[in-house]
Structures are given as structure tokens and as C-alpha cells.
PDB file of N, CA and C in Angstrom:
ATOM      1  N   MET A   1     -17.229  11.373  -0.840  1.00  0.00           N
ATOM      2  CA  MET A   1     -15.887  11.916  -0.743  1.00  0.00           C
ATOM      3  C   MET A   1     -15.237  11.522   0.583  1.00  0.00           C
ATOM      4  N   LEU A   2     -16.015  11.584   1.664  1.00  0.00           N
ATOM      5  CA  LEU A   2     -15.481  11.211   2.970  1.00  0.00           C
ATOM      6  C   LEU A   2     -15.150   9.728   3.001  1.00  0.00           C
ATOM      7  N   GLN A   3     -16.013   8.918   2.375  1.00  0.00           N
ATOM      8  CA  GLN A   3     -15.774   7.485   2.343  1.00  0.00           C
ATOM      9  C   GLN A   3     -14.486   7.175   1.562  1.00  0.00           C
ATOM     10  N   GLU A   4     -14.253   7.895   0.496  1.00  0.00           N
ATOM     11  CA  GLU A   4     -13.035   7.697  -0.301  1.00  0.00           C
ATOM     12  C   GLU A   4     -11.796   7.995   0.536  1.00  0.00           C
ATOM     13  N   ARG A   5     -11.843   9.077   1.292  1.00  0.00           N
ATOM     14  CA  ARG A   5     -10.710   9.415   2.164  1.00  0.00           C
ATOM     15  C   ARG A   5     -10.493   8.341   3.213  1.00  0.00           C
ATOM     16  N   ASP A   6     -11.599   7.813   3.753  1.00  0.00           N
ATOM     17  CA  ASP A   6     -11.479   6.757   4.756  1.00  0.00           C
ATOM     18  C   ASP A   6     -10.807   5.523   4.179  1.00  0.00           C
ATOM     19  N   ILE A   7     -11.210   5.145   2.977  1.00  0.00           N
ATOM     20  CA  ILE A   7     -10.631   3.963   2.337  1.00  0.00           C
ATOM     21  C   ILE A   7      -9.144   4.176   2.068  1.00  0.00           C
ATOM     22  N   LEU A   8      -8.794   5.320   1.505  1.00  0.00           N
ATOM     23  CA  LEU A   8      -7.381   5.598   1.234  1.00  0.00           C
ATOM     24  C   LEU A   8      -6.582   5.692   2.528  1.00  0.00           C
ATOM     25  N   GLY A   9      -7.200   6.241   3.556  1.00  0.00           N
ATOM     26  CA  GLY A   9      -6.534   6.320   4.860  1.00  0.00           C
ATOM     27  C   GLY A   9      -6.265   4.942   5.434  1.00  0.00           C
ATOM     28  N   ARG A  10      -7.228   4.036   5.295  1.00  0.00           N
ATOM     29  CA  ARG A  10      -7.033   2.668   5.785  1.00  0.00           C
ATOM     30  C   ARG A  10      -5.934   1.957   5.016  1.00  0.00           C
ATOM     31  N   ILE A  11      -5.906   2.164   3.713  1.00  0.00           N
ATOM     32  CA  ILE A  11      -4.845   1.548   2.908  1.00  0.00           C
ATOM     33  C   ILE A  11      -3.487   2.087   3.336  1.00  0.00           C
ATOM     34  N   GLY A  12      -3.413   3.406   3.521  1.00  0.00           N
ATOM     35  CA  GLY A  12      -2.156   4.016   3.968  1.00  0.00           C
ATOM     36  C   GLY A  12      -1.727   3.500   5.326  1.00  0.00           C
ATOM     37  N   LYS A  13      -2.684   3.377   6.254  1.00  0.00           N
ATOM     38  CA  LYS A  13      -2.367   2.847   7.585  1.00  0.00           C
ATOM     39  C   LYS A  13      -1.883   1.412   7.487  1.00  0.00           C
ATOM     40  N   GLY A  14      -2.495   0.644   6.599  1.00  0.00           N
ATOM     41  CA  GLY A  14      -2.063  -0.741   6.415  1.00  0.00           C
ATOM     42  C   GLY A  14      -0.610  -0.823   5.971  1.00  0.00           C
ATOM     43  N   PHE A  15      -0.214   0.052   5.054  1.00  0.00           N
ATOM     44  CA  PHE A  15       1.187   0.085   4.620  1.00  0.00           C
ATOM     45  C   PHE A  15       2.104   0.553   5.749  1.00  0.00           C
ATOM     46  N   GLU A  16       1.636   1.491   6.562  1.00  0.00           N
ATOM     47  CA  GLU A  16       2.440   1.943   7.705  1.00  0.00           C
ATOM     48  C   GLU A  16       2.671   0.791   8.675  1.00  0.00           C
ATOM     49  N   TYR A  17       1.605   0.048   8.988  1.00  0.00           N
ATOM     50  CA  TYR A  17       1.735  -1.078   9.906  1.00  0.00           C
ATOM     51  C   TYR A  17       2.652  -2.150   9.335  1.00  0.00           C
ATOM     52  N   LEU A  18       2.556  -2.388   8.031  1.00  0.00           N
ATOM     53  CA  LEU A  18       3.445  -3.354   7.395  1.00  0.00           C
ATOM     54  C   LEU A  18       4.899  -2.910   7.538  1.00  0.00           C
ATOM     55  N   CYS A  19       5.152  -1.645   7.331  1.00  0.00           N
ATOM     56  CA  CYS A  19       6.521  -1.126   7.477  1.00  0.00           C
ATOM     57  C   CYS A  19       7.021  -1.302   8.904  1.00  0.00           C
ATOM     58  N   GLU A  20       6.143  -1.078   9.873  1.00  0.00           N
ATOM     59  CA  GLU A  20       6.530  -1.215  11.276  1.00  0.00           C
ATOM     60  C   GLU A  20       6.920  -2.652  11.606  1.00  0.00           C
ATOM     61  N   VAL A  21       6.114  -3.624  11.160  1.00  0.00           N
ATOM     62  CA  VAL A  21       6.440  -5.011  11.482  1.00  0.00           C
ATOM     63  C   VAL A  21       7.675  -5.487  10.726  1.00  0.00           C
ATOM     64  N   VAL A  22       7.882  -4.966   9.524  1.00  0.00           N
ATOM     65  CA  VAL A  22       9.096  -5.329   8.789  1.00  0.00           C
ATOM     66  C   VAL A  22      10.324  -4.820   9.528  1.00  0.00           C
ATOM     67  N   LYS A  23      10.225  -3.637  10.119  1.00  0.00           N
ATOM     68  CA  LYS A  23      11.355  -3.101  10.890  1.00  0.00           C
ATOM     69  C   LYS A  23      11.623  -3.921  12.145  1.00  0.00           C
ATOM     70  N   LEU A  24      10.586  -4.543  12.727  1.00  0.00           N
ATOM     71  CA  LEU A  24      10.758  -5.342  13.939  1.00  0.00           C
ATOM     72  C   LEU A  24      11.465  -6.673  13.657  1.00  0.00           C
ATOM     73  N   ALA A  25      11.199  -7.264  12.515  1.00  0.00           N
ATOM     74  CA  ALA A  25      11.812  -8.548  12.155  1.00  0.00           C
ATOM     75  C   ALA A  25      12.105  -8.548  10.657  1.00  0.00           C
ATOM     76  N   PRO A  26      13.096  -7.762  10.236  1.00  0.00           N
ATOM     77  CA  PRO A  26      13.328  -7.591   8.794  1.00  0.00           C
ATOM     78  C   PRO A  26      13.696  -8.874   8.053  1.00  0.00           C
ATOM     79  N   ALA A  27      14.481  -9.732   8.633  1.00  0.00           N
ATOM     80  CA  ALA A  27      14.914 -10.932   7.921  1.00  0.00           C
ATOM     81  C   ALA A  27      13.722 -11.837   7.599  1.00  0.00           C
ATOM     82  N   GLU A  28      12.871 -12.059   8.597  1.00  0.00           N
ATOM     83  CA  GLU A  28      11.726 -12.942   8.403  1.00  0.00           C
ATOM     84  C   GLU A  28      10.735 -12.353   7.411  1.00  0.00           C
ATOM     85  N   TRP A  29      10.420 -11.073   7.581  1.00  0.00           N
ATOM     86  CA  TRP A  29       9.428 -10.443   6.705  1.00  0.00           C
ATOM     87  C   TRP A  29       9.949 -10.293   5.283  1.00  0.00           C
ATOM     88  N   THR A  30      11.211  -9.974   5.137  1.00  0.00           N
ATOM     89  CA  THR A  30      11.776  -9.833   3.797  1.00  0.00           C
ATOM     90  C   THR A  30      11.718 -11.162   3.056  1.00  0.00           C
ATOM     91  N   ALA A  31      12.096 -12.221   3.744  1.00  0.00           N
ATOM     92  CA  ALA A  31      12.054 -13.546   3.113  1.00  0.00           C
ATOM     93  C   ALA A  31      10.619 -13.907   2.720  1.00  0.00           C
ATOM     94  N   MET A  32       9.670 -13.630   3.605  1.00  0.00           N
ATOM     95  CA  MET A  32       8.278 -13.962   3.308  1.00  0.00           C
ATOM     96  C   MET A  32       7.752 -13.125   2.140  1.00  0.00           C
ATOM     97  N   LEU A  33       8.059 -11.830   2.132  1.00  0.00           N
ATOM     98  CA  LEU A  33       7.584 -10.958   1.061  1.00  0.00           C
ATOM     99  C   LEU A  33       8.195 -11.332  -0.284  1.00  0.00           C
ATOM    100  N   ILE A  34       9.449 -11.749  -0.269  1.00  0.00           N
ATOM    101  CA  ILE A  34      10.094 -12.186  -1.516  1.00  0.00           C
ATOM    102  C   ILE A  34       9.423 -13.452  -2.027  1.00  0.00           C
ATOM    103  N   ARG A  35       9.151 -14.407  -1.116  1.00  0.00           N
ATOM    104  CA  ARG A  35       8.459 -15.633  -1.534  1.00  0.00           C
ATOM    105  C   ARG A  35       7.074 -15.314  -2.078  1.00  0.00           C
ATOM    106  N   MET A  36       6.379 -14.382  -1.436  1.00  0.00           N
ATOM    107  CA  MET A  36       5.030 -14.023  -1.886  1.00  0.00           C
ATOM    108  C   MET A  36       5.056 -13.289  -3.220  1.00  0.00           C
ATOM    109  N   SER A  37       6.094 -12.504  -3.449  1.00  0.00           N
ATOM    110  CA  SER A  37       6.123 -11.645  -4.635  1.00  0.00           C
ATOM    111  C   SER A  37       6.192 -12.420  -5.950  1.00  0.00           C
ATOM    112  N   VAL A  38       6.614 -13.660  -5.903  1.00  0.00           N
ATOM    113  CA  VAL A  38       6.696 -14.444  -7.140  1.00  0.00           C
ATOM    114  C   VAL A  38       5.402 -15.190  -7.448  1.00  0.00           C
ATOM    115  N   ARG A  39       4.442 -15.114  -6.547  1.00  0.00           N
ATOM    116  CA  ARG A  39       3.172 -15.817  -6.758  1.00  0.00           C
ATOM    117  C   ARG A  39       2.228 -14.968  -7.602  1.00  0.00           C
ATOM    118  N   PRO A  40       1.614 -15.558  -8.616  1.00  0.00           N
ATOM    119  CA  PRO A  40       0.706 -14.807  -9.480  1.00  0.00           C
ATOM    120  C   PRO A  40      -0.520 -14.268  -8.734  1.00  0.00           C
ATOM    121  N   GLU A  41      -0.935 -14.964  -7.670  1.00  0.00           N
ATOM    122  CA  GLU A  41      -2.090 -14.497  -6.900  1.00  0.00           C
ATOM    123  C   GLU A  41      -1.822 -13.138  -6.265  1.00  0.00           C
ATOM    124  N   VAL A  42      -0.594 -12.941  -5.820  1.00  0.00           N
ATOM    125  CA  VAL A  42      -0.224 -11.667  -5.194  1.00  0.00           C
ATOM    126  C   VAL A  42      -0.226 -10.557  -6.235  1.00  0.00           C
ATOM    127  N   HIS A  43       0.240 -10.848  -7.436  1.00  0.00           N
ATOM    128  CA  HIS A  43       0.223  -9.851  -8.509  1.00  0.00           C
ATOM    129  C   HIS A  43      -1.211  -9.458  -8.836  1.00  0.00           C
ATOM    130  N   LYS A  44      -2.088 -10.457  -8.948  1.00  0.00           N
ATOM    131  CA  LYS A  44      -3.487 -10.182  -9.245  1.00  0.00           C
ATOM    132  C   LYS A  44      -4.128  -9.363  -8.123  1.00  0.00           C
ATOM    133  N   PHE A  45      -3.838  -9.721  -6.888  1.00  0.00           N
ATOM    134  CA  PHE A  45      -4.383  -9.003  -5.743  1.00  0.00           C
ATOM    135  C   PHE A  45      -3.928  -7.542  -5.749  1.00  0.00           C
ATOM    136  N   ALA A  46      -2.645  -7.318  -6.004  1.00  0.00           N
ATOM    137  CA  ALA A  46      -2.118  -5.945  -6.031  1.00  0.00           C
ATOM    138  C   ALA A  46      -2.763  -5.140  -7.158  1.00  0.00           C
ATOM    139  N   LEU A  47      -2.904  -5.743  -8.317  1.00  0.00           N
ATOM    140  CA  LEU A  47      -3.546  -5.051  -9.431  1.00  0.00           C
ATOM    141  C   LEU A  47      -5.018  -4.780  -9.145  1.00  0.00           C
ATOM    142  N   ASP A  48      -5.679  -5.703  -8.466  1.00  0.00           N
ATOM    143  CA  ASP A  48      -7.079  -5.484  -8.084  1.00  0.00           C
ATOM    144  C   ASP A  48      -7.219  -4.297  -7.146  1.00  0.00           C
ATOM    145  N   ILE A  49      -6.298  -4.179  -6.208  1.00  0.00           N
ATOM    146  CA  ILE A  49      -6.339  -3.047  -5.270  1.00  0.00           C
ATOM    147  C   ILE A  49      -6.126  -1.738  -6.012  1.00  0.00           C
ATOM    148  N   ILE A  50      -5.116  -1.700  -6.869  1.00  0.00           N
ATOM    149  CA  ILE A  50      -4.830  -0.480  -7.629  1.00  0.00           C
ATOM    150  C   ILE A  50      -6.004  -0.124  -8.533  1.00  0.00           C
ATOM    151  N   SER A  51      -6.566  -1.125  -9.187  1.00  0.00           N
ATOM    152  CA  SER A  51      -7.704  -0.895 -10.070  1.00  0.00           C
ATOM    153  C   SER A  51      -8.914  -0.384  -9.296  1.00  0.00           C
ATOM    154  N   ALA A  52      -9.176  -0.970  -8.146  1.00  0.00           N
ATOM    155  CA  ALA A  52     -10.327  -0.547  -7.336  1.00  0.00           C
ATOM    156  C   ALA A  52     -10.167   0.891  -6.865  1.00  0.00           C
ATOM    157  N   ILE A  53      -8.963   1.259  -6.467  1.00  0.00           N
ATOM    158  CA  ILE A  53      -8.728   2.639  -6.034  1.00  0.00           C
ATOM    159  C   ILE A  53      -8.932   3.599  -7.199  1.00  0.00           C
ATOM    160  N   ALA A  54      -8.394   3.240  -8.356  1.00  0.00           N
ATOM    161  CA  ALA A  54      -8.529   4.113  -9.527  1.00  0.00           C
ATOM    162  C   ALA A  54      -9.988   4.258  -9.946  1.00  0.00           C
ATOM    163  N   LEU A  55     -10.728   3.144  -9.966  1.00  0.00           N
ATOM    164  CA  LEU A  55     -12.135   3.214 -10.346  1.00  0.00           C
ATOM    165  C   LEU A  55     -12.968   3.953  -9.309  1.00  0.00           C
ATOM    166  N   HIS A  56     -12.663   3.714  -8.047  1.00  0.00           N
ATOM    167  CA  HIS A  56     -13.422   4.342  -6.971  1.00  0.00           C
ATOM    168  C   HIS A  56     -13.263   5.858  -6.985  1.00  0.00           C
ATOM    169  N   SER A  57     -12.113   6.303  -7.357  1.00  0.00           N
ATOM    170  CA  SER A  57     -11.860   7.745  -7.326  1.00  0.00           C
ATOM    171  C   SER A  57     -12.036   8.388  -8.694  1.00  0.00           C
ATOM    172  N   SER A  58     -12.630   7.657  -9.628  1.00  0.00           N
ATOM    173  CA  SER A  58     -12.885   8.174 -10.980  1.00  0.00           C
ATOM    174  C   SER A  58     -11.611   8.690 -11.654  1.00  0.00           C
ATOM    175  N   HIS A  59     -10.535   7.988 -11.455  1.00  0.00           N
ATOM    176  CA  HIS A  59      -9.247   8.305 -12.074  1.00  0.00           C
ATOM    177  C   HIS A  59      -8.710   9.685 -11.670  1.00  0.00           C
ATOM    178  N   LYS A  60      -9.224  10.214 -10.586  1.00  0.00           N
ATOM    179  CA  LYS A  60      -8.731  11.512 -10.112  1.00  0.00           C
ATOM    180  C   LYS A  60      -8.354  11.388  -8.646  1.00  0.00           C
ATOM    181  N   LEU A  61      -7.277  10.675  -8.376  1.00  0.00           N
ATOM    182  CA  LEU A  61      -6.835  10.579  -6.991  1.00  0.00           C
ATOM    183  C   LEU A  61      -6.425  11.968  -6.514  1.00  0.00           C
ATOM    184  N   GLN A  62      -6.791  12.241  -5.307  1.00  0.00           N
ATOM    185  CA  GLN A  62      -6.499  13.565  -4.772  1.00  0.00           C
ATOM    186  C   GLN A  62      -5.001  13.750  -4.572  1.00  0.00           C
ATOM    187  N   VAL A  63      -4.589  14.969  -4.690  1.00  0.00           N
ATOM    188  CA  VAL A  63      -3.173  15.304  -4.507  1.00  0.00           C
ATOM    189  C   VAL A  63      -2.713  14.895  -3.117  1.00  0.00           C
ATOM    190  N   ALA A  64      -3.580  15.064  -2.142  1.00  0.00           N
ATOM    191  CA  ALA A  64      -3.217  14.720  -0.766  1.00  0.00           C
ATOM    192  C   ALA A  64      -2.893  13.240  -0.625  1.00  0.00           C
ATOM    193  N   SER A  65      -3.642  12.391  -1.305  1.00  0.00           N
ATOM    194  CA  SER A  65      -3.378  10.962  -1.192  1.00  0.00           C
ATOM    195  C   SER A  65      -2.048  10.593  -1.840  1.00  0.00           C
ATOM    196  N   TRP A  66      -1.731  11.228  -2.962  1.00  0.00           N
ATOM    197  CA  TRP A  66      -0.437  10.973  -3.599  1.00  0.00           C
ATOM    198  C   TRP A  66       0.703  11.459  -2.710  1.00  0.00           C
ATOM    199  N   LEU A  67       0.520  12.607  -2.088  1.00  0.00           N
ATOM    200  CA  LEU A  67       1.546  13.105  -1.182  1.00  0.00           C
ATOM    201  C   LEU A  67       1.722  12.162   0.012  1.00  0.00           C
ATOM    202  N   TYR A  68       0.599  11.663   0.520  1.00  0.00           N
ATOM    203  CA  TYR A  68       0.643  10.729   1.638  1.00  0.00           C
ATOM    204  C   TYR A  68       1.406   9.471   1.252  1.00  0.00           C
ATOM    205  N   LEU A  69       1.087   8.898   0.105  1.00  0.00           N
ATOM    206  CA  LEU A  69       1.785   7.703  -0.355  1.00  0.00           C
ATOM    207  C   LEU A  69       3.263   7.991  -0.622  1.00  0.00           C
ATOM    208  N   SER A  70       3.551   9.179  -1.133  1.00  0.00           N
ATOM    209  CA  SER A  70       4.940   9.557  -1.383  1.00  0.00           C
ATOM    210  C   SER A  70       5.726   9.626  -0.080  1.00  0.00           C
ATOM    211  N   ARG A  71       5.116  10.244   0.939  1.00  0.00           N
ATOM    212  CA  ARG A  71       5.778  10.322   2.246  1.00  0.00           C
ATOM    213  C   ARG A  71       5.975   8.928   2.829  1.00  0.00           C
ATOM    214  N   LEU A  72       4.981   8.075   2.656  1.00  0.00           N
ATOM    215  CA  LEU A  72       5.075   6.713   3.168  1.00  0.00           C
ATOM    216  C   LEU A  72       6.212   5.957   2.488  1.00  0.00           C
ATOM    217  N   LEU A  73       6.307   6.071   1.167  1.00  0.00           N
ATOM    218  CA  LEU A  73       7.397   5.417   0.445  1.00  0.00           C
ATOM    219  C   LEU A  73       8.747   5.977   0.849  1.00  0.00           C
ATOM    220  N   HIS A  74       8.789   7.288   1.093  1.00  0.00           N
ATOM    221  CA  HIS A  74      10.042   7.904   1.541  1.00  0.00           C
ATOM    222  C   HIS A  74      10.456   7.349   2.895  1.00  0.00           C
ATOM    223  N   LYS A  75       9.479   7.151   3.794  1.00  0.00           N
ATOM    224  CA  LYS A  75       9.778   6.589   5.109  1.00  0.00           C
ATOM    225  C   LYS A  75      10.305   5.170   4.981  1.00  0.00           C
ATOM    226  N   MET A  76       9.787   4.433   4.004  1.00  0.00           N
ATOM    227  CA  MET A  76      10.217   3.049   3.821  1.00  0.00           C
ATOM    228  C   MET A  76      11.680   2.969   3.399  1.00  0.00           C
ATOM    229  N   THR A  77      12.154   3.985   2.698  1.00  0.00           N
ATOM    230  CA  THR A  77      13.522   3.958   2.202  1.00  0.00           C
ATOM    231  C   THR A  77      14.528   4.425   3.237  1.00  0.00           C
ATOM    232  N   ILE A  78      14.038   5.081   4.278  1.00  0.00           N
ATOM    233  CA  ILE A  78      14.951   5.590   5.316  1.00  0.00           C
ATOM    234  C   ILE A  78      15.285   4.512   6.304  1.00  0.00           C
TER     235      ILE A  78
END
């Protein structure tokens, strides 16, 4: 259980850091992310991450992790 929290925490921190660097140079990062988003490898990678999280947590992600991701997404929109 502790290991699961650590993994989800690292993923959340990774998204936080990504948001921070995008805010520092939005034009460059936006262009790069748009170019990356059309590549099938990126789609497969994203699905692999989502699948691994779902399998690792036995399809029962904790409410706290969903709230954390929700807050993170809310911060991204502000």
C-alpha cells in the first residue's frame, strides 16, 4: 500500500513539474507537446501508464489519488 502511494505520488509530482516548466516557456513546450501528441508511440506510452496504474491498484484507485489528480488538473487550467 505504501509503495502504491509512492508510485502515484511520483506520477503526480512529475505532472506538477511538467506544468511548472510549461509555465516557464509555454510557446516552446506547447509546440513540442502538440508535435508529440500526434505520435502513436506517445499514445501507447500514455495507455501503458494508465493501464499499469489500474492494474497495480487492482482497479480501486484511492479517493485521495483521484482528488490529487483533480486538484492538479484544476491547477493546470488556472
